[in-house]
Amino acid sequence: MITITDQLQTRLQGHGMQIEKILADAAYSSGENYQYLEQQNITAYIPLLGGALSGSEGFIYDEANDWYICRNNKLLKGSGRVVDAVEVIR
């Protein structure tokens, strides 16, 4: 993902554009990708691979509220926004 994004960003900059948001499937779910996109100020819409936190030590899933609670009693939840490909392309 990083190489593809760098190449696309370079091409778009040549036309006065830049990437603001990226939509990808869970196959691109990795800490490295999330960190890179954050550093580039690109909003990522990439789901966790196979519910990566389910069963993870120290995380409790609150099904009623659809979020996880870590061992430090902090919430980990999504943005609540549903995004379609049309919005990402704009």
Protein backbone atom coordinates (compact mmCIF):
# COMPACT_ATOMS: atom_id res chain seq x y z
CA MET A 1 0.00 0.00 0.00
CA ILE A 2 2.77 2.45 0.86
CA THR A 3 4.49 2.12 -2.51
CA ILE A 4 1.22 2.40 -4.44
CA THR A 5 0.12 5.42 -2.40
CA ASP A 6 3.49 7.16 -2.89
CA GLN A 7 3.35 6.59 -6.65
CA LEU A 8 -0.24 7.80 -6.91
CA GLN A 9 0.46 10.84 -4.73
CA THR A 10 3.38 11.81 -6.99
CA ARG A 11 1.22 11.52 -10.11
CA LEU A 12 -1.63 13.51 -8.58
CA GLN A 13 0.68 16.29 -7.37
CA GLY A 14 1.71 16.79 -10.98
CA HIS A 15 -1.91 17.79 -11.60
CA GLY A 16 -2.27 19.92 -8.48
CA MET A 17 -4.18 17.26 -6.55
CA GLN A 18 -3.49 15.19 -3.45
CA ILE A 19 -4.88 12.14 -1.71
CA GLU A 20 -7.09 13.02 1.26
CA LYS A 21 -8.85 9.71 1.92
CA ILE A 22 -8.20 6.06 1.11
CA LEU A 23 -10.66 3.17 1.14
CA ALA A 24 -9.21 -0.34 1.21
CA ASP A 25 -10.26 -3.80 2.25
CA ALA A 26 -9.02 -5.55 5.38
CA ALA A 27 -6.09 -7.11 3.50
CA TYR A 28 -4.38 -3.70 3.90
CA SER A 29 -4.99 -3.60 7.65
CA SER A 30 -1.60 -3.18 9.32
CA GLY A 31 -0.03 -0.87 11.84
CA GLU A 32 2.58 0.12 9.28
CA ASN A 33 -0.10 1.21 6.78
CA TYR A 34 -2.16 3.06 9.40
CA GLN A 35 0.94 4.88 10.66
CA TYR A 36 2.10 5.85 7.16
CA LEU A 37 -1.32 7.20 6.18
CA GLU A 38 -1.58 9.17 9.42
CA GLN A 39 1.86 10.71 8.81
CA GLN A 40 0.73 11.69 5.30
CA ASN A 41 -2.49 13.28 6.69
CA ILE A 42 -4.57 10.78 4.73
CA THR A 43 -7.80 9.54 6.32
CA ALA A 44 -7.89 5.74 6.13
CA TYR A 45 -11.06 3.70 5.80
CA ILE A 46 -9.59 0.22 6.32
CA PRO A 47 -11.40 -2.33 8.51
CA LEU A 48 -9.46 -4.45 10.95
CA LEU A 49 -8.47 -7.78 9.46
CA GLY A 50 -10.95 -10.44 10.55
CA GLY A 51 -12.01 -8.60 13.67
CA ALA A 52 -8.42 -8.39 14.79
CA LEU A 53 -9.30 -7.37 18.33
CA SER A 54 -11.81 -10.10 19.02
CA GLY A 55 -10.14 -12.45 21.41
CA SER A 56 -7.14 -10.15 21.82
CA GLU A 57 -5.78 -10.23 25.33
CA GLY A 58 -6.85 -7.24 27.39
CA PHE A 59 -9.72 -6.17 25.14
CA ILE A 60 -13.38 -6.70 25.99
CA TYR A 61 -15.98 -6.31 23.26
CA ASP A 62 -19.14 -4.44 24.27
CA GLU A 63 -21.64 -5.77 21.74
CA ALA A 64 -24.49 -3.46 22.83
CA ASN A 65 -22.39 -0.38 22.05
CA ASP A 66 -20.20 -1.92 19.30
CA TRP A 67 -16.86 -0.94 20.81
CA TYR A 68 -13.92 -2.45 22.62
CA ILE A 69 -12.63 -1.58 26.09
CA CYS A 70 -8.91 -2.00 26.80
CA ARG A 71 -7.37 -3.01 30.11
CA ASN A 72 -6.89 0.71 30.91
CA ASN A 73 -10.66 1.16 30.64
CA LYS A 74 -10.35 3.25 27.44
CA LEU A 75 -12.83 2.92 24.58
CA LEU A 76 -11.80 1.88 21.10
CA LYS A 77 -14.57 2.56 18.66
CA GLY A 78 -15.09 3.48 15.03
CA SER A 79 -16.11 6.88 13.73
CA GLY A 80 -19.72 5.76 13.25
CA ARG A 81 -19.63 6.97 9.67
CA VAL A 82 -20.62 4.74 6.80
CA VAL A 83 -18.57 5.62 3.73
CA ASP A 84 -19.22 4.59 0.17
CA ALA A 85 -16.76 4.61 -2.73
CA VAL A 86 -18.37 7.67 -4.30
CA GLU A 87 -17.47 9.83 -1.29
CA VAL A 88 -13.87 8.60 -1.31
CA ILE A 89 -13.41 9.41 -5.00
CA ARG A 90 -14.55 13.05 -4.61
